[in-house]
Amino acid sequence: MHEESENQIPLLKGLVLAGGDSSRMGFDKGLINYHGIPQQEYIYDLLVPVTVETFISRKKDQVEQQSRQILEDQFTGLGPFGGILTAFTYDLTCAWLIVACDFPLLNPATIKQLIEARDVNSLATSFLDERSLMPEPWITILEPAIYPVLLQYYKNGRSSLRGVLVDYNTAVVRIEDADALLNANTPEEAERLKQKIYS
């Protein structure tokens, strides 16, 4: 019985990171409509079928009435890193599938690929960013064991998730659909991706 408990794979919860300032975009990236609904809700709906519970991470001044579950950011001034710390504060026992809201070409097959490649013996499982040859931090499975590392980074004044993933040599997967990692940080990029979706 004790052995089974030790080998139990942590449950997977989902977190849509949508609490950023969107400074380059000029307006809230989480609310852009690529697929008929706000983008943060599109990503949320992708995660719901493959997680036991899913949330949208938002800052206090961004929390609006809606049907999706919101996890209000308790760590201010840290960007998405604060949202991740908040998620682990909410539940330290599960793994978190974190996805930034600005991947409009993300699809169920890509989410499934990452989950099937999950390495529970690593602190995290990420896709490889082919451009930088480093882990892509904003679609990643974070295991419970990573929380003390994140907390130490926070206490040391650091808030780079990619830095953590590189420093701790986490599991990296080559993505099958490279377009799924295309994101939009400016209105021009958003328009190009809209054209790609509807072409």
N, C-alpha and C. Protein backbone atom coordinates (compact mmCIF):
# COMPACT_ATOMS: atom_id res chain seq x y z
N MET A 1 0.83 -1.21 0.00
CA MET A 1 0.00 0.00 0.00
C MET A 1 0.87 1.26 0.00
N HIS A 2 1.91 1.25 0.84
CA HIS A 2 2.80 2.39 0.91
C HIS A 2 3.53 2.58 -0.42
N GLU A 3 3.92 1.45 -1.05
CA GLU A 3 4.64 1.52 -2.32
C GLU A 3 3.75 2.11 -3.41
N GLU A 4 2.47 1.72 -3.43
CA GLU A 4 1.55 2.27 -4.42
C GLU A 4 1.42 3.77 -4.26
N SER A 5 1.36 4.21 -2.99
CA SER A 5 1.22 5.64 -2.72
C SER A 5 2.43 6.40 -3.24
N GLU A 6 3.63 5.84 -3.04
CA GLU A 6 4.85 6.49 -3.48
C GLU A 6 4.92 6.60 -5.00
N ASN A 7 4.37 5.60 -5.69
CA ASN A 7 4.45 5.57 -7.15
C ASN A 7 3.26 6.24 -7.83
N GLN A 8 2.35 6.77 -7.06
CA GLN A 8 1.16 7.37 -7.64
C GLN A 8 1.53 8.62 -8.44
N ILE A 9 1.01 8.72 -9.65
CA ILE A 9 1.28 9.88 -10.49
C ILE A 9 0.38 11.03 -10.04
N PRO A 10 0.96 12.20 -9.79
CA PRO A 10 0.13 13.34 -9.36
C PRO A 10 -0.93 13.68 -10.41
N LEU A 11 -2.10 14.02 -9.94
CA LEU A 11 -3.16 14.45 -10.84
C LEU A 11 -2.74 15.72 -11.57
N LEU A 12 -3.33 15.96 -12.72
CA LEU A 12 -2.97 17.09 -13.56
C LEU A 12 -4.09 18.13 -13.54
N LYS A 13 -3.73 19.35 -13.17
CA LYS A 13 -4.66 20.48 -13.23
C LYS A 13 -4.17 21.46 -14.29
N GLY A 14 -5.08 22.27 -14.80
CA GLY A 14 -4.75 23.19 -15.88
C GLY A 14 -4.77 24.64 -15.42
N LEU A 15 -3.85 25.43 -15.98
CA LEU A 15 -3.80 26.85 -15.66
C LEU A 15 -3.54 27.64 -16.95
N VAL A 16 -4.50 28.48 -17.32
CA VAL A 16 -4.33 29.38 -18.46
C VAL A 16 -3.74 30.68 -17.95
N LEU A 17 -2.56 31.03 -18.41
CA LEU A 17 -1.89 32.25 -17.96
C LEU A 17 -2.41 33.43 -18.78
N ALA A 18 -3.24 34.25 -18.15
CA ALA A 18 -3.88 35.36 -18.86
C ALA A 18 -3.87 36.62 -17.99
N GLY A 19 -2.86 36.74 -17.14
CA GLY A 19 -2.81 37.88 -16.22
C GLY A 19 -1.75 38.90 -16.55
N GLY A 20 -1.22 38.86 -17.77
CA GLY A 20 -0.15 39.78 -18.14
C GLY A 20 -0.66 41.16 -18.49
N ASP A 21 0.29 42.08 -18.72
CA ASP A 21 -0.07 43.46 -19.05
C ASP A 21 -0.37 43.67 -20.53
N SER A 22 0.06 42.72 -21.38
CA SER A 22 -0.16 42.83 -22.83
C SER A 22 0.33 44.18 -23.36
N SER A 23 1.47 44.65 -22.87
CA SER A 23 1.94 46.01 -23.19
C SER A 23 2.23 46.17 -24.68
N ARG A 24 2.83 45.17 -25.33
CA ARG A 24 3.13 45.28 -26.76
C ARG A 24 1.87 45.19 -27.61
N MET A 25 0.88 44.42 -27.13
CA MET A 25 -0.36 44.29 -27.87
C MET A 25 -1.20 45.56 -27.77
N GLY A 26 -1.15 46.22 -26.62
CA GLY A 26 -1.93 47.43 -26.41
C GLY A 26 -3.31 47.18 -25.85
N PHE A 27 -3.72 45.92 -25.78
CA PHE A 27 -4.99 45.54 -25.17
C PHE A 27 -4.85 44.10 -24.70
N ASP A 28 -5.80 43.64 -23.92
CA ASP A 28 -5.71 42.35 -23.23
C ASP A 28 -5.67 41.18 -24.22
N LYS A 29 -4.53 40.47 -24.26
CA LYS A 29 -4.38 39.34 -25.19
C LYS A 29 -5.37 38.22 -24.89
N GLY A 30 -5.73 38.07 -23.62
CA GLY A 30 -6.64 37.00 -23.25
C GLY A 30 -8.05 37.17 -23.79
N LEU A 31 -8.37 38.39 -24.21
CA LEU A 31 -9.72 38.66 -24.69
C LEU A 31 -9.83 38.71 -26.21
N ILE A 32 -8.70 38.52 -26.92
CA ILE A 32 -8.74 38.53 -28.39
C ILE A 32 -9.59 37.36 -28.88
N ASN A 33 -10.40 37.64 -29.89
CA ASN A 33 -11.30 36.62 -30.44
C ASN A 33 -10.70 36.06 -31.73
N TYR A 34 -10.12 34.86 -31.63
CA TYR A 34 -9.63 34.16 -32.81
C TYR A 34 -10.62 33.08 -33.26
N HIS A 35 -11.36 32.52 -32.30
CA HIS A 35 -12.16 31.31 -32.56
C HIS A 35 -13.62 31.48 -32.17
N GLY A 36 -14.08 32.71 -32.08
CA GLY A 36 -15.48 32.93 -31.73
C GLY A 36 -15.71 33.17 -30.25
N ILE A 37 -14.67 33.01 -29.43
CA ILE A 37 -14.73 33.28 -27.99
C ILE A 37 -13.41 33.92 -27.59
N PRO A 38 -13.34 34.58 -26.42
CA PRO A 38 -12.07 35.13 -25.97
C PRO A 38 -10.98 34.05 -25.93
N GLN A 39 -9.77 34.42 -26.29
CA GLN A 39 -8.69 33.44 -26.40
C GLN A 39 -8.42 32.70 -25.09
N GLN A 40 -8.54 33.39 -23.95
CA GLN A 40 -8.30 32.71 -22.67
C GLN A 40 -9.33 31.59 -22.46
N GLU A 41 -10.54 31.79 -22.95
CA GLU A 41 -11.57 30.76 -22.82
C GLU A 41 -11.32 29.61 -23.80
N TYR A 42 -10.80 29.94 -24.96
CA TYR A 42 -10.46 28.90 -25.95
C TYR A 42 -9.41 27.96 -25.36
N ILE A 43 -8.35 28.51 -24.75
CA ILE A 43 -7.31 27.67 -24.15
C ILE A 43 -7.88 26.89 -22.96
N TYR A 44 -8.69 27.56 -22.16
CA TYR A 44 -9.35 26.89 -21.02
C TYR A 44 -10.13 25.66 -21.49
N ASP A 45 -10.89 25.83 -22.56
CA ASP A 45 -11.71 24.73 -23.06
C ASP A 45 -10.86 23.59 -23.62
N LEU A 46 -9.65 23.90 -24.10
CA LEU A 46 -8.73 22.85 -24.55
C LEU A 46 -8.24 22.01 -23.36
N LEU A 47 -8.06 22.65 -22.21
CA LEU A 47 -7.48 21.97 -21.06
C LEU A 47 -8.50 21.17 -20.24
N VAL A 48 -9.73 21.61 -20.26
CA VAL A 48 -10.75 20.96 -19.42
C VAL A 48 -10.85 19.44 -19.64
N PRO A 49 -10.86 18.94 -20.88
CA PRO A 49 -11.02 17.48 -21.07
C PRO A 49 -9.82 16.65 -20.58
N VAL A 50 -8.67 17.26 -20.39
CA VAL A 50 -7.46 16.49 -20.06
C VAL A 50 -6.92 16.79 -18.66
N THR A 51 -7.66 17.56 -17.88
CA THR A 51 -7.24 17.88 -16.51
C THR A 51 -8.41 17.64 -15.55
N VAL A 52 -8.08 17.50 -14.27
CA VAL A 52 -9.15 17.27 -13.29
C VAL A 52 -9.80 18.58 -12.85
N GLU A 53 -9.12 19.68 -13.08
CA GLU A 53 -9.65 21.01 -12.74
C GLU A 53 -8.82 22.03 -13.52
N THR A 54 -9.47 23.08 -14.01
CA THR A 54 -8.77 24.07 -14.81
C THR A 54 -9.17 25.47 -14.36
N PHE A 55 -8.20 26.39 -14.43
CA PHE A 55 -8.41 27.77 -14.02
C PHE A 55 -7.81 28.72 -15.06
N ILE A 56 -8.33 29.94 -15.06
CA ILE A 56 -7.69 31.04 -15.78
C ILE A 56 -7.02 31.92 -14.74
N SER A 57 -5.72 32.15 -14.90
CA SER A 57 -4.98 33.02 -13.99
C SER A 57 -5.15 34.47 -14.43
N ARG A 58 -5.66 35.30 -13.52
CA ARG A 58 -5.88 36.72 -13.82
C ARG A 58 -5.41 37.57 -12.64
N LYS A 59 -5.01 38.79 -12.93
CA LYS A 59 -4.71 39.74 -11.87
C LYS A 59 -6.02 40.25 -11.27
N LYS A 60 -5.90 40.82 -10.06
CA LYS A 60 -7.10 41.25 -9.35
C LYS A 60 -7.95 42.21 -10.17
N ASP A 61 -7.31 43.16 -10.87
CA ASP A 61 -8.08 44.15 -11.63
C ASP A 61 -8.58 43.61 -12.96
N GLN A 62 -8.27 42.33 -13.25
CA GLN A 62 -8.74 41.72 -14.50
C GLN A 62 -9.84 40.70 -14.28
N VAL A 63 -10.21 40.48 -13.05
CA VAL A 63 -11.19 39.44 -12.76
C VAL A 63 -12.58 39.94 -13.13
N GLU A 64 -13.18 39.30 -14.11
CA GLU A 64 -14.50 39.69 -14.58
C GLU A 64 -15.47 38.52 -14.44
N GLN A 65 -16.74 38.83 -14.48
CA GLN A 65 -17.76 37.79 -14.36
C GLN A 65 -17.74 36.91 -15.61
N GLN A 66 -17.59 35.61 -15.41
CA GLN A 66 -17.67 34.68 -16.53
C GLN A 66 -17.87 33.27 -16.00
N SER A 67 -18.13 32.35 -16.92
CA SER A 67 -18.47 31.00 -16.51
C SER A 67 -17.24 30.16 -16.19
N ARG A 68 -16.06 30.55 -16.70
CA ARG A 68 -14.84 29.77 -16.43
C ARG A 68 -14.30 30.09 -15.04
N GLN A 69 -13.59 29.11 -14.47
CA GLN A 69 -13.02 29.29 -13.13
C GLN A 69 -11.80 30.22 -13.19
N ILE A 70 -11.75 31.18 -12.28
CA ILE A 70 -10.64 32.13 -12.20
C ILE A 70 -9.81 31.84 -10.96
N LEU A 71 -8.49 31.93 -11.09
CA LEU A 71 -7.58 31.87 -9.96
C LEU A 71 -6.89 33.23 -9.90
N GLU A 72 -7.26 34.02 -8.90
CA GLU A 72 -6.73 35.38 -8.81
C GLU A 72 -5.28 35.37 -8.33
N ASP A 73 -4.43 36.08 -9.06
CA ASP A 73 -3.00 36.11 -8.79
C ASP A 73 -2.73 36.72 -7.41
N GLN A 74 -2.03 35.96 -6.57
CA GLN A 74 -1.70 36.43 -5.22
C GLN A 74 -0.28 37.00 -5.13
N PHE A 75 0.50 36.86 -6.19
CA PHE A 75 1.88 37.36 -6.22
C PHE A 75 1.95 38.45 -7.27
N THR A 76 1.98 39.69 -6.85
CA THR A 76 1.91 40.80 -7.80
C THR A 76 3.29 41.17 -8.33
N GLY A 77 3.30 41.71 -9.54
CA GLY A 77 4.52 42.22 -10.13
C GLY A 77 5.47 41.17 -10.69
N LEU A 78 5.02 39.92 -10.79
CA LEU A 78 5.88 38.85 -11.27
C LEU A 78 5.44 38.30 -12.61
N GLY A 79 4.39 38.86 -13.19
CA GLY A 79 3.89 38.34 -14.46
C GLY A 79 3.39 36.91 -14.29
N PRO A 80 3.57 36.09 -15.33
CA PRO A 80 3.06 34.71 -15.27
C PRO A 80 3.69 33.87 -14.17
N PHE A 81 4.91 34.19 -13.77
CA PHE A 81 5.56 33.46 -12.68
C PHE A 81 4.72 33.55 -11.41
N GLY A 82 4.14 34.72 -11.18
CA GLY A 82 3.26 34.89 -10.01
C GLY A 82 2.01 34.05 -10.09
N GLY A 83 1.46 33.92 -11.30
CA GLY A 83 0.29 33.07 -11.48
C GLY A 83 0.60 31.62 -11.18
N ILE A 84 1.80 31.18 -11.56
CA ILE A 84 2.21 29.79 -11.31
C ILE A 84 2.40 29.55 -9.81
N LEU A 85 3.05 30.49 -9.12
CA LEU A 85 3.20 30.36 -7.66
C LEU A 85 1.82 30.31 -6.99
N THR A 86 0.90 31.12 -7.48
CA THR A 86 -0.46 31.12 -6.93
C THR A 86 -1.11 29.76 -7.11
N ALA A 87 -0.92 29.14 -8.28
CA ALA A 87 -1.52 27.83 -8.54
C ALA A 87 -1.00 26.79 -7.56
N PHE A 88 0.31 26.77 -7.33
CA PHE A 88 0.86 25.79 -6.39
C PHE A 88 0.44 26.10 -4.95
N THR A 89 0.24 27.36 -4.64
CA THR A 89 -0.28 27.71 -3.32
C THR A 89 -1.69 27.15 -3.15
N TYR A 90 -2.46 27.16 -4.25
CA TYR A 90 -3.81 26.61 -4.23
C TYR A 90 -3.78 25.09 -4.06
N ASP A 91 -2.87 24.40 -4.75
CA ASP A 91 -2.76 22.95 -4.66
C ASP A 91 -1.31 22.52 -4.88
N LEU A 92 -0.68 22.08 -3.82
CA LEU A 92 0.72 21.64 -3.87
C LEU A 92 0.87 20.18 -4.25
N THR A 93 -0.22 19.44 -4.28
CA THR A 93 -0.13 17.99 -4.48
C THR A 93 -0.24 17.58 -5.94
N CYS A 94 -0.77 18.45 -6.78
CA CYS A 94 -0.99 18.08 -8.18
C CYS A 94 0.11 18.65 -9.06
N ALA A 95 0.17 18.16 -10.30
CA ALA A 95 0.99 18.78 -11.33
C ALA A 95 0.12 19.80 -12.05
N TRP A 96 0.77 20.84 -12.61
CA TRP A 96 0.03 21.88 -13.31
C TRP A 96 0.45 21.94 -14.78
N LEU A 97 -0.53 21.80 -15.65
CA LEU A 97 -0.31 22.03 -17.08
C LEU A 97 -0.57 23.51 -17.31
N ILE A 98 0.51 24.27 -17.50
CA ILE A 98 0.35 25.71 -17.67
C ILE A 98 0.46 26.05 -19.16
N VAL A 99 -0.45 26.92 -19.60
CA VAL A 99 -0.46 27.34 -21.01
C VAL A 99 -0.75 28.83 -21.06
N ALA A 100 0.13 29.59 -21.72
CA ALA A 100 -0.13 31.00 -21.93
C ALA A 100 -1.31 31.18 -22.87
N CYS A 101 -2.03 32.28 -22.70
CA CYS A 101 -3.26 32.48 -23.48
C CYS A 101 -2.99 32.86 -24.93
N ASP A 102 -1.72 33.17 -25.27
CA ASP A 102 -1.48 33.74 -26.60
C ASP A 102 -0.96 32.73 -27.62
N PHE A 103 -1.49 31.50 -27.57
CA PHE A 103 -1.19 30.49 -28.59
C PHE A 103 -2.47 30.16 -29.35
N PRO A 104 -2.87 30.98 -30.31
CA PRO A 104 -4.15 30.75 -30.99
C PRO A 104 -4.20 29.51 -31.87
N LEU A 105 -3.03 28.97 -32.26
CA LEU A 105 -3.03 27.78 -33.11
C LEU A 105 -2.88 26.49 -32.30
N LEU A 106 -2.87 26.62 -30.98
CA LEU A 106 -2.79 25.43 -30.14
C LEU A 106 -4.03 24.56 -30.35
N ASN A 107 -3.84 23.25 -30.30
CA ASN A 107 -4.94 22.33 -30.62
C ASN A 107 -4.90 21.11 -29.69
N PRO A 108 -5.97 20.33 -29.65
CA PRO A 108 -6.01 19.17 -28.75
C PRO A 108 -4.88 18.17 -28.99
N ALA A 109 -4.49 17.97 -30.25
CA ALA A 109 -3.44 16.99 -30.54
C ALA A 109 -2.11 17.39 -29.91
N THR A 110 -1.81 18.68 -29.91
CA THR A 110 -0.55 19.15 -29.33
C THR A 110 -0.57 19.01 -27.81
N ILE A 111 -1.71 19.33 -27.21
CA ILE A 111 -1.86 19.14 -25.75
C ILE A 111 -1.68 17.66 -25.42
N LYS A 112 -2.31 16.81 -26.21
CA LYS A 112 -2.22 15.37 -25.99
C LYS A 112 -0.78 14.89 -26.12
N GLN A 113 -0.04 15.41 -27.10
CA GLN A 113 1.35 15.00 -27.28
C GLN A 113 2.18 15.30 -26.03
N LEU A 114 1.99 16.50 -25.47
CA LEU A 114 2.77 16.87 -24.29
C LEU A 114 2.42 15.97 -23.10
N ILE A 115 1.13 15.71 -22.91
CA ILE A 115 0.71 14.89 -21.78
C ILE A 115 1.23 13.46 -21.93
N GLU A 116 1.20 12.93 -23.13
CA GLU A 116 1.69 11.56 -23.34
C GLU A 116 3.21 11.47 -23.16
N ALA A 117 3.91 12.58 -23.37
CA ALA A 117 5.37 12.60 -23.20
C ALA A 117 5.78 12.96 -21.77
N ARG A 118 4.82 13.22 -20.93
CA ARG A 118 5.09 13.67 -19.55
C ARG A 118 6.06 12.74 -18.83
N ASP A 119 7.09 13.34 -18.24
CA ASP A 119 8.08 12.61 -17.46
C ASP A 119 7.90 12.99 -16.00
N VAL A 120 7.23 12.14 -15.25
CA VAL A 120 6.91 12.48 -13.86
C VAL A 120 8.15 12.46 -12.97
N ASN A 121 9.26 11.91 -13.46
CA ASN A 121 10.49 11.90 -12.68
C ASN A 121 11.33 13.16 -12.89
N SER A 122 10.92 14.00 -13.83
CA SER A 122 11.55 15.31 -14.01
C SER A 122 10.72 16.37 -13.30
N LEU A 123 11.31 17.53 -13.10
CA LEU A 123 10.55 18.61 -12.48
C LEU A 123 9.49 19.17 -13.43
N ALA A 124 9.74 19.01 -14.73
CA ALA A 124 8.81 19.56 -15.71
C ALA A 124 9.00 18.86 -17.05
N THR A 125 7.97 18.98 -17.89
CA THR A 125 8.03 18.49 -19.28
C THR A 125 7.60 19.63 -20.17
N SER A 126 8.46 19.99 -21.14
CA SER A 126 8.20 21.13 -22.03
C SER A 126 8.47 20.74 -23.47
N PHE A 127 7.91 21.54 -24.37
CA PHE A 127 8.29 21.42 -25.76
C PHE A 127 9.61 22.15 -25.99
N LEU A 128 10.36 21.72 -27.00
CA LEU A 128 11.58 22.40 -27.39
C LEU A 128 11.24 23.58 -28.29
N ASP A 129 11.75 24.75 -27.94
CA ASP A 129 11.65 25.91 -28.81
C ASP A 129 12.77 25.79 -29.84
N GLU A 130 12.40 25.48 -31.08
CA GLU A 130 13.39 25.20 -32.13
C GLU A 130 14.26 26.41 -32.44
N ARG A 131 13.75 27.61 -32.18
CA ARG A 131 14.54 28.81 -32.48
C ARG A 131 15.66 29.02 -31.47
N SER A 132 15.34 28.87 -30.20
CA SER A 132 16.35 29.11 -29.15
C SER A 132 17.04 27.84 -28.69
N LEU A 133 16.46 26.68 -29.09
CA LEU A 133 16.94 25.37 -28.63
C LEU A 133 16.89 25.26 -27.10
N MET A 134 15.91 25.93 -26.52
CA MET A 134 15.66 25.86 -25.09
C MET A 134 14.21 25.46 -24.85
N PRO A 135 13.86 25.06 -23.64
CA PRO A 135 12.46 24.70 -23.37
C PRO A 135 11.53 25.89 -23.59
N GLU A 136 10.37 25.61 -24.17
CA GLU A 136 9.32 26.61 -24.30
C GLU A 136 8.55 26.64 -22.98
N PRO A 137 8.72 27.70 -22.19
CA PRO A 137 8.16 27.67 -20.84
C PRO A 137 6.64 27.80 -20.77
N TRP A 138 6.03 28.37 -21.82
CA TRP A 138 4.63 28.74 -21.66
C TRP A 138 3.62 27.72 -22.15
N ILE A 139 4.09 26.51 -22.40
CA ILE A 139 3.21 25.34 -22.46
C ILE A 139 4.02 24.20 -21.88
N THR A 140 3.79 23.96 -20.61
CA THR A 140 4.68 23.09 -19.82
C THR A 140 3.87 22.39 -18.73
N ILE A 141 4.28 21.15 -18.43
CA ILE A 141 3.73 20.45 -17.26
C ILE A 141 4.73 20.59 -16.12
N LEU A 142 4.29 21.16 -15.02
CA LEU A 142 5.14 21.37 -13.86
C LEU A 142 4.73 20.38 -12.77
N GLU A 143 5.66 19.52 -12.37
CA GLU A 143 5.38 18.54 -11.32
C GLU A 143 5.45 19.21 -9.95
N PRO A 144 4.79 18.62 -8.94
CA PRO A 144 4.78 19.23 -7.60
C PRO A 144 6.18 19.50 -7.04
N ALA A 145 7.15 18.66 -7.42
CA ALA A 145 8.50 18.81 -6.87
C ALA A 145 9.19 20.10 -7.31
N ILE A 146 8.64 20.78 -8.32
CA ILE A 146 9.28 22.01 -8.78
C ILE A 146 8.95 23.20 -7.88
N TYR A 147 7.90 23.08 -7.07
CA TYR A 147 7.46 24.24 -6.30
C TYR A 147 8.54 24.81 -5.38
N PRO A 148 9.29 24.00 -4.61
CA PRO A 148 10.34 24.60 -3.77
C PRO A 148 11.39 25.35 -4.59
N VAL A 149 11.67 24.86 -5.80
CA VAL A 149 12.63 25.54 -6.67
C VAL A 149 12.08 26.90 -7.10
N LEU A 150 10.82 26.93 -7.52
CA LEU A 150 10.20 28.19 -7.91
C LEU A 150 10.18 29.18 -6.75
N LEU A 151 9.89 28.67 -5.56
CA LEU A 151 9.83 29.52 -4.38
C LEU A 151 11.20 30.10 -4.06
N GLN A 152 12.24 29.29 -4.22
CA GLN A 152 13.60 29.78 -3.96
C GLN A 152 13.99 30.85 -4.98
N TYR A 153 13.62 30.63 -6.24
CA TYR A 153 13.88 31.65 -7.25
C TYR A 153 13.19 32.96 -6.87
N TYR A 154 11.94 32.86 -6.44
CA TYR A 154 11.18 34.03 -6.03
C TYR A 154 11.86 34.75 -4.87
N LYS A 155 12.31 34.00 -3.89
CA LYS A 155 12.98 34.60 -2.72
C LYS A 155 14.31 35.25 -3.12
N ASN A 156 14.92 34.74 -4.19
CA ASN A 156 16.18 35.31 -4.67
C ASN A 156 15.97 36.45 -5.67
N GLY A 157 14.71 36.85 -5.85
CA GLY A 157 14.40 37.97 -6.74
C GLY A 157 14.37 37.60 -8.21
N ARG A 158 14.25 36.32 -8.52
CA ARG A 158 14.21 35.88 -9.91
C ARG A 158 12.80 35.39 -10.26
N SER A 159 12.41 35.58 -11.51
CA SER A 159 11.06 35.15 -11.90
C SER A 159 11.04 34.65 -13.34
N SER A 160 12.08 33.91 -13.72
CA SER A 160 12.17 33.35 -15.07
C SER A 160 11.89 31.86 -15.04
N LEU A 161 10.73 31.47 -15.55
CA LEU A 161 10.42 30.04 -15.61
C LEU A 161 11.37 29.33 -16.57
N ARG A 162 11.69 29.96 -17.68
CA ARG A 162 12.64 29.34 -18.61
C ARG A 162 13.98 29.12 -17.92
N GLY A 163 14.40 30.06 -17.09
CA GLY A 163 15.64 29.89 -16.33
C GLY A 163 15.61 28.65 -15.46
N VAL A 164 14.48 28.42 -14.80
CA VAL A 164 14.33 27.22 -13.97
C VAL A 164 14.42 25.97 -14.83
N LEU A 165 13.71 25.95 -15.95
CA LEU A 165 13.67 24.77 -16.81
C LEU A 165 15.06 24.44 -17.36
N VAL A 166 15.83 25.47 -17.69
CA VAL A 166 17.18 25.25 -18.20
C VAL A 166 18.12 24.82 -17.07
N ASP A 167 18.06 25.51 -15.95
CA ASP A 167 18.96 25.21 -14.83
C ASP A 167 18.79 23.79 -14.31
N TYR A 168 17.55 23.28 -14.37
CA TYR A 168 17.27 21.96 -13.80
C TYR A 168 17.10 20.88 -14.85
N ASN A 169 17.46 21.20 -16.11
CA ASN A 169 17.53 20.19 -17.16
C ASN A 169 16.26 19.34 -17.23
N THR A 170 15.13 20.02 -17.36
CA THR A 170 13.85 19.32 -17.38
C THR A 170 13.63 18.60 -18.71
N ALA A 171 12.64 17.71 -18.74
CA ALA A 171 12.37 16.90 -19.93
C ALA A 171 11.88 17.79 -21.07
N VAL A 172 12.41 17.56 -22.27
CA VAL A 172 12.07 18.37 -23.43
C VAL A 172 11.59 17.46 -24.56
N VAL A 173 10.53 17.90 -25.24
CA VAL A 173 9.89 17.11 -26.28
C VAL A 173 9.90 17.90 -27.59
N ARG A 174 10.23 17.25 -28.71
CA ARG A 174 10.13 17.91 -30.01
C ARG A 174 8.68 17.90 -30.47
N ILE A 175 8.15 19.07 -30.72
CA ILE A 175 6.74 19.21 -31.06
C ILE A 175 6.47 18.70 -32.48
N GLU A 176 5.32 18.05 -32.67
CA GLU A 176 4.95 17.54 -33.99
C GLU A 176 4.36 18.64 -34.88
N ASP A 177 3.62 19.57 -34.28
CA ASP A 177 2.99 20.66 -35.03
C ASP A 177 3.63 21.97 -34.59
N ALA A 178 4.69 22.39 -35.28
CA ALA A 178 5.45 23.57 -34.87
C ALA A 178 4.60 24.84 -34.88
N ASP A 179 3.59 24.91 -35.74
CA ASP A 179 2.75 26.11 -35.80
C ASP A 179 1.99 26.34 -34.50
N ALA A 180 1.79 25.29 -33.72
CA ALA A 180 1.04 25.42 -32.47
C ALA A 180 1.74 26.34 -31.48
N LEU A 181 3.05 26.54 -31.66
CA LEU A 181 3.80 27.41 -30.74
C LEU A 181 3.89 28.84 -31.24
N LEU A 182 3.27 29.15 -32.36
CA LEU A 182 3.26 30.53 -32.84
C LEU A 182 2.36 31.36 -31.92
N ASN A 183 2.89 32.50 -31.47
CA ASN A 183 2.08 33.34 -30.60
C ASN A 183 2.06 34.77 -31.12
N ALA A 184 1.20 35.57 -30.53
CA ALA A 184 1.01 36.94 -30.99
C ALA A 184 1.20 37.91 -29.83
N ASN A 185 2.16 38.82 -30.01
CA ASN A 185 2.41 39.83 -28.98
C ASN A 185 2.11 41.25 -29.47
N THR A 186 1.81 41.40 -30.76
CA THR A 186 1.47 42.70 -31.33
C THR A 186 0.21 42.56 -32.17
N PRO A 187 -0.49 43.67 -32.44
CA PRO A 187 -1.69 43.59 -33.29
C PRO A 187 -1.39 43.01 -34.67
N GLU A 188 -0.22 43.32 -35.22
CA GLU A 188 0.15 42.81 -36.54
C GLU A 188 0.30 41.28 -36.51
N GLU A 189 0.96 40.77 -35.46
CA GLU A 189 1.11 39.32 -35.33
C GLU A 189 -0.24 38.65 -35.14
N ALA A 190 -1.11 39.27 -34.36
CA ALA A 190 -2.45 38.71 -34.13
C ALA A 190 -3.22 38.63 -35.45
N GLU A 191 -3.10 39.66 -36.27
CA GLU A 191 -3.81 39.68 -37.55
C GLU A 191 -3.29 38.58 -38.48
N ARG A 192 -1.97 38.39 -38.48
CA ARG A 192 -1.38 37.34 -39.33
C ARG A 192 -1.87 35.95 -38.91
N LEU A 193 -1.97 35.74 -37.58
CA LEU A 193 -2.42 34.44 -37.11
C LEU A 193 -3.91 34.23 -37.38
N LYS A 194 -4.70 35.31 -37.33
CA LYS A 194 -6.12 35.20 -37.70
C LYS A 194 -6.25 34.76 -39.16
N GLN A 195 -5.43 35.36 -40.02
CA GLN A 195 -5.47 34.99 -41.44
C GLN A 195 -5.06 33.53 -41.63
N LYS A 196 -4.10 33.08 -40.84
CA LYS A 196 -3.65 31.69 -40.93
C LYS A 196 -4.75 30.73 -40.49
N ILE A 197 -5.48 31.10 -39.45
CA ILE A 197 -6.57 30.26 -38.95
C ILE A 197 -7.67 30.11 -39.99
N TYR A 198 -7.98 31.21 -40.67
CA TYR A 198 -9.15 31.20 -41.57
C TYR A 198 -8.79 31.01 -43.04
N SER A 199 -7.50 30.78 -43.32
CA SER A 199 -7.10 30.58 -44.72
C SER A 199 -7.40 29.16 -45.17
